[in-house]
Amino acid sequence: MPLSAVAHFGPTTAALAVNHQGQFPAVTLSFNLAPGVALGDAVAAIESAAREIGLPPSIRASFQGTAQAFQASLANEPLLILAALVTVYIVLGILYESYIHPLTILSTLPSAGVGAILALLLCRTDLGVIALIGIILLIGIVKKNAIMMIDFALEAEREADKGPEAAIYEACLLRFRPIMMTTMAALLGGLPLALGTGVGSELRRPLGIAIVGGLLVSQLLTLYTTPVVYLAFDRLARRLARRRGPEPVEERIAVAR
């Protein structure tokens, strides 16, 4: 069979090299961000333009580099935050041997998240991976306010035989100073990150802004909301205990012994 039956040759122009990504030929188009435009807005605009063009099924568009890392972080952020909350709830449930008091402690976290996001908006900073790390750090820092108060209140109820209202009131008075000391130490430690300049400051600023904003708002709110939530959950626990009925006779005898 002659070669001319399946191919032909002749002078023409062609690329010296064909770039591939995986097993497919690929062409890379680079873009820069305009001043004041976030990477998330640019990714959304490019995806919208690709849909409007109507690319054929044989052509597939995907992001690489920083845009790809941004998309991957967005896909894992909800699972990461949920895993952190579940882990904290399990640890607190084991510590206090209760299903309700961990919820009282976790009730302080929304104020920290709102404060961090408001601070990022005021400073015109993107909610990126570094800012998300700051919010996860706030989960461990902010809940210590409620832990200090609830731990003292539970001990006062068990040891001093005080009511929930008197116990949590005394806890707020006696734990106010250590709560303020620890919060101010963490807040002042985050200020150099938020206000710093120089090489690499653009990477550290979102972390510091998220920490400072979250601590400011949560400190103002949790001192008032934690006692209210504690009393509300305590009443709920007592109501559920009454519905379950009295303890069995065998358990009461065992406790008396």
Protein backbone atom coordinates (compact mmCIF):
# COMPACT_ATOMS: atom_id res chain seq x y z
CA MET A 1 0.00 0.00 0.00
CA PRO A 2 1.59 3.31 -0.99
CA LEU A 3 2.05 5.98 1.70
CA SER A 4 0.09 8.47 -0.40
CA ALA A 5 -3.06 6.40 0.22
CA VAL A 6 -3.18 7.39 3.90
CA ALA A 7 -1.05 10.56 4.16
CA HIS A 8 0.47 13.37 2.21
CA PHE A 9 3.25 15.81 2.90
CA GLY A 10 4.02 19.35 1.92
CA PRO A 11 5.48 22.59 3.25
CA THR A 12 3.25 24.39 5.80
CA THR A 13 3.43 26.21 9.15
CA ALA A 14 3.06 24.33 12.44
CA ALA A 15 3.83 24.76 16.13
CA LEU A 16 7.28 23.74 17.26
CA ALA A 17 5.83 22.15 20.40
CA VAL A 18 2.36 21.11 21.54
CA ASN A 19 1.79 21.61 25.25
CA HIS A 20 -0.12 18.91 27.11
CA GLN A 21 -1.88 18.74 30.43
CA GLY A 22 -2.21 15.12 31.36
CA GLN A 23 -2.96 13.30 28.10
CA PHE A 24 -4.67 16.20 26.35
CA PRO A 25 -3.23 19.11 24.37
CA ALA A 26 -3.74 22.32 26.32
CA VAL A 27 -3.39 26.07 25.90
CA THR A 28 -2.83 28.28 28.94
CA LEU A 29 -4.37 31.76 29.10
CA SER A 30 -3.08 33.99 31.91
CA PHE A 31 -4.89 36.92 33.50
CA ASN A 32 -4.21 39.61 36.09
CA LEU A 33 -6.57 41.14 38.61
CA ALA A 34 -7.70 44.73 38.26
CA PRO A 35 -7.17 46.96 41.31
CA GLY A 36 -9.81 46.31 43.96
CA VAL A 37 -11.12 43.10 42.33
CA ALA A 38 -11.09 39.88 44.35
CA LEU A 39 -9.95 36.57 42.92
CA GLY A 40 -13.37 35.05 43.59
CA ASP A 41 -15.05 37.70 41.41
CA ALA A 42 -12.56 37.06 38.60
CA VAL A 43 -13.15 33.29 38.74
CA ALA A 44 -16.92 33.80 38.63
CA ALA A 45 -16.63 36.18 35.64
CA ILE A 46 -14.43 33.73 33.70
CA GLU A 47 -16.80 30.83 34.38
CA SER A 48 -19.76 32.95 33.24
CA ALA A 49 -17.93 33.92 30.03
CA ALA A 50 -17.09 30.27 29.31
CA ARG A 51 -20.76 29.32 29.63
CA GLU A 52 -21.88 32.15 27.36
CA ILE A 53 -19.37 31.21 24.63
CA GLY A 54 -20.80 27.71 24.41
CA LEU A 55 -17.64 25.65 24.15
CA PRO A 56 -17.99 22.30 22.36
CA PRO A 57 -17.89 19.13 24.49
CA SER A 58 -14.38 18.33 23.25
CA ILE A 59 -12.97 21.48 24.91
CA ARG A 60 -12.80 21.61 28.70
CA ALA A 61 -11.72 24.68 30.67
CA SER A 62 -10.12 24.49 34.10
CA PHE A 63 -8.12 26.77 36.40
CA GLN A 64 -4.52 26.32 37.39
CA GLY A 65 -2.19 27.96 39.88
CA THR A 66 -3.67 30.36 42.45
CA ALA A 67 -7.18 30.16 41.00
CA GLN A 68 -7.16 26.37 41.30
CA ALA A 69 -5.98 26.59 44.92
CA PHE A 70 -8.76 29.12 45.58
CA GLN A 71 -11.42 26.77 44.21
CA ALA A 72 -10.04 23.85 46.21
CA SER A 73 -10.09 25.89 49.42
CA LEU A 74 -13.70 26.92 48.82
CA ALA A 75 -14.72 23.29 48.32
CA ASN A 76 -13.13 22.17 51.61
CA GLU A 77 -13.94 25.17 53.84
CA PRO A 78 -17.42 24.02 55.02
CA LEU A 79 -16.17 20.50 55.79
CA LEU A 80 -13.14 21.89 57.65
CA ILE A 81 -15.24 24.18 59.85
CA LEU A 82 -17.79 21.42 60.50
CA ALA A 83 -15.05 18.98 61.48
CA ALA A 84 -13.58 21.52 63.90
CA LEU A 85 -16.98 22.14 65.53
CA VAL A 86 -17.75 18.44 65.86
CA THR A 87 -14.34 17.78 67.41
CA VAL A 88 -14.79 20.59 69.95
CA TYR A 89 -18.30 19.36 70.82
CA ILE A 90 -17.08 15.80 71.43
CA VAL A 91 -14.20 16.94 73.63
CA LEU A 92 -16.42 19.26 75.68
CA GLY A 93 -19.10 16.59 75.98
CA ILE A 94 -16.56 14.17 77.42
CA LEU A 95 -15.20 16.85 79.74
CA TYR A 96 -18.54 17.89 81.23
CA GLU A 97 -20.35 14.57 80.73
CA SER A 98 -23.25 16.43 79.18
CA TYR A 99 -24.91 16.89 75.80
CA ILE A 100 -26.16 20.43 76.55
CA HIS A 101 -23.29 22.37 78.14
CA PRO A 102 -21.04 21.97 75.06
CA LEU A 103 -23.76 23.77 73.09
CA THR A 104 -23.63 26.60 75.62
CA ILE A 105 -19.90 26.97 75.00
CA LEU A 106 -20.25 26.71 71.22
CA SER A 107 -22.89 29.46 71.28
CA THR A 108 -20.02 31.96 71.63
CA LEU A 109 -18.57 31.10 68.23
CA PRO A 110 -21.07 32.88 65.90
CA SER A 111 -20.17 36.26 67.39
CA ALA A 112 -16.48 35.57 66.71
CA GLY A 113 -17.18 34.62 63.09
CA VAL A 114 -19.34 37.71 62.55
CA GLY A 115 -16.65 39.93 64.07
CA ALA A 116 -13.93 38.44 61.88
CA ILE A 117 -15.99 38.90 58.70
CA LEU A 118 -16.94 42.48 59.63
CA ALA A 119 -13.29 43.31 60.27
CA LEU A 120 -12.29 41.88 56.90
CA LEU A 121 -15.02 43.92 55.20
CA LEU A 122 -13.97 47.13 56.94
CA CYS A 123 -10.33 46.56 55.98
CA ARG A 124 -11.31 45.54 52.42
CA THR A 125 -9.53 42.21 52.76
CA ASP A 126 -10.55 39.01 51.01
CA LEU A 127 -11.80 35.98 52.95
CA GLY A 128 -9.02 33.70 51.78
CA VAL A 129 -7.31 30.64 53.15
CA ILE A 130 -5.24 32.65 55.65
CA ALA A 131 -8.32 34.48 56.96
CA LEU A 132 -10.08 31.12 57.31
CA ILE A 133 -7.17 29.89 59.44
CA GLY A 134 -7.76 32.91 61.69
CA ILE A 135 -11.44 32.01 62.07
CA ILE A 136 -10.52 28.43 62.99
CA LEU A 137 -8.08 29.80 65.57
CA LEU A 138 -10.93 31.85 67.01
CA ILE A 139 -12.84 28.62 67.68
CA GLY A 140 -10.19 27.68 70.21
CA ILE A 141 -9.62 31.17 71.63
CA VAL A 142 -13.16 32.48 72.05
CA LYS A 143 -14.75 29.46 73.68
CA LYS A 144 -12.46 29.79 76.71
CA ASN A 145 -14.67 32.68 77.91
CA ALA A 146 -17.65 30.37 78.24
CA ILE A 147 -15.51 27.54 79.61
CA MET A 148 -14.26 29.74 82.46
CA MET A 149 -17.76 30.79 83.47
CA ILE A 150 -19.55 27.48 82.98
CA ASP A 151 -16.87 25.44 84.71
CA PHE A 152 -17.09 27.67 87.80
CA ALA A 153 -20.91 27.71 87.71
CA LEU A 154 -21.16 23.91 87.55
CA GLU A 155 -18.73 23.55 90.43
CA ALA A 156 -20.73 26.06 92.49
CA GLU A 157 -23.94 24.13 91.81
CA ARG A 158 -22.41 20.80 92.80
CA GLU A 159 -20.19 21.81 95.72
CA ALA A 160 -21.92 24.87 97.20
CA ASP A 161 -25.47 23.70 96.34
CA LYS A 162 -26.34 27.00 94.64
CA GLY A 163 -29.05 27.60 92.10
CA PRO A 164 -28.21 28.15 88.42
CA GLU A 165 -28.89 31.90 88.58
CA ALA A 166 -26.71 32.47 91.64
CA ALA A 167 -23.97 30.17 90.32
CA ILE A 168 -23.65 31.81 86.91
CA TYR A 169 -23.85 35.31 88.48
CA GLU A 170 -20.97 34.53 90.80
CA ALA A 171 -19.04 32.98 87.92
CA CYS A 172 -19.42 36.18 85.87
CA LEU A 173 -18.09 38.28 88.74
CA LEU A 174 -15.13 36.10 89.66
CA ARG A 175 -14.10 35.14 86.12
CA PHE A 176 -14.33 38.60 84.59
CA ARG A 177 -10.69 39.53 85.30
CA PRO A 178 -9.06 36.34 83.90
CA ILE A 179 -11.36 36.48 80.87
CA MET A 180 -10.29 40.06 80.12
CA MET A 181 -6.63 39.25 80.71
CA THR A 182 -6.55 36.29 78.33
CA THR A 183 -8.60 38.06 75.67
CA MET A 184 -6.42 41.18 75.74
CA ALA A 185 -3.28 39.05 75.54
CA ALA A 186 -4.56 37.29 72.43
CA LEU A 187 -5.85 40.53 70.91
CA LEU A 188 -2.62 42.43 71.44
CA GLY A 189 -0.72 39.45 70.05
CA GLY A 190 -2.74 39.72 66.84
CA LEU A 191 -2.28 43.47 66.38
CA PRO A 192 1.29 43.19 64.95
CA LEU A 193 -0.05 40.80 62.33
CA ALA A 194 -2.91 43.13 61.40
CA LEU A 195 -0.88 46.36 61.39
CA GLY A 196 2.50 45.06 60.26
CA THR A 197 4.17 46.10 57.00
CA GLY A 198 7.09 44.83 55.02
CA VAL A 199 7.88 41.67 53.14
CA GLY A 200 5.13 39.06 53.51
CA SER A 201 2.74 41.41 55.33
CA GLU A 202 0.03 40.80 52.73
CA LEU A 203 0.00 37.15 53.82
CA ARG A 204 -0.13 37.88 57.55
CA ARG A 205 -2.64 40.76 57.58
CA PRO A 206 -5.81 38.69 56.93
CA LEU A 207 -4.87 36.41 59.83
CA GLY A 208 -4.37 39.31 62.23
CA ILE A 209 -7.49 41.17 61.08
CA ALA A 210 -9.68 38.09 61.54
CA ILE A 211 -8.30 37.43 65.03
CA VAL A 212 -8.59 41.03 66.24
CA GLY A 213 -12.09 41.57 64.82
CA GLY A 214 -13.39 38.27 66.13
CA LEU A 215 -12.01 38.86 69.62
CA LEU A 216 -13.39 42.40 69.86
CA VAL A 217 -16.95 41.47 68.92
CA SER A 218 -17.04 38.19 70.82
CA GLN A 219 -15.67 39.81 73.98
CA LEU A 220 -18.41 42.43 73.93
CA LEU A 221 -21.19 39.89 73.36
CA THR A 222 -20.24 36.69 75.15
CA LEU A 223 -20.02 38.33 78.57
CA TYR A 224 -23.78 38.95 78.28
CA THR A 225 -25.01 36.12 76.08
CA THR A 226 -23.24 33.20 77.81
CA PRO A 227 -25.16 33.51 81.13
CA VAL A 228 -28.45 33.81 79.23
CA VAL A 229 -27.74 30.73 77.11
CA TYR A 230 -26.54 28.82 80.20
CA LEU A 231 -29.79 29.46 82.06
CA ALA A 232 -31.90 28.67 78.99
CA PHE A 233 -30.19 25.32 78.43
CA ASP A 234 -30.32 24.54 82.16
CA ARG A 235 -34.09 25.00 82.14
CA LEU A 236 -34.33 22.86 79.02
CA ALA A 237 -32.30 20.11 80.68
CA ARG A 238 -34.52 20.19 83.78
CA ARG A 239 -37.64 20.04 81.63
CA LEU A 240 -36.33 17.02 79.75
CA ALA A 241 -35.38 15.34 83.04
CA ARG A 242 -38.94 15.79 84.36
CA ARG A 243 -40.37 14.26 81.20
CA ARG A 244 -38.18 11.19 81.59
CA GLY A 245 -39.68 10.65 85.03
CA PRO A 246 -38.08 9.74 88.37
CA GLU A 247 -34.97 7.63 88.62
CA PRO A 248 -35.31 3.89 89.13
CA VAL A 249 -35.32 2.61 92.70
CA GLU A 250 -32.11 0.67 92.19
CA GLU A 251 -30.21 3.79 91.15
CA ARG A 252 -31.48 5.80 94.15
CA ILE A 253 -30.37 3.06 96.55
CA ALA A 254 -26.95 2.90 94.91
CA VAL A 255 -26.51 6.66 95.29
CA ALA A 256 -27.53 6.51 98.97
CA ARG A 257 -24.95 3.87 99.69
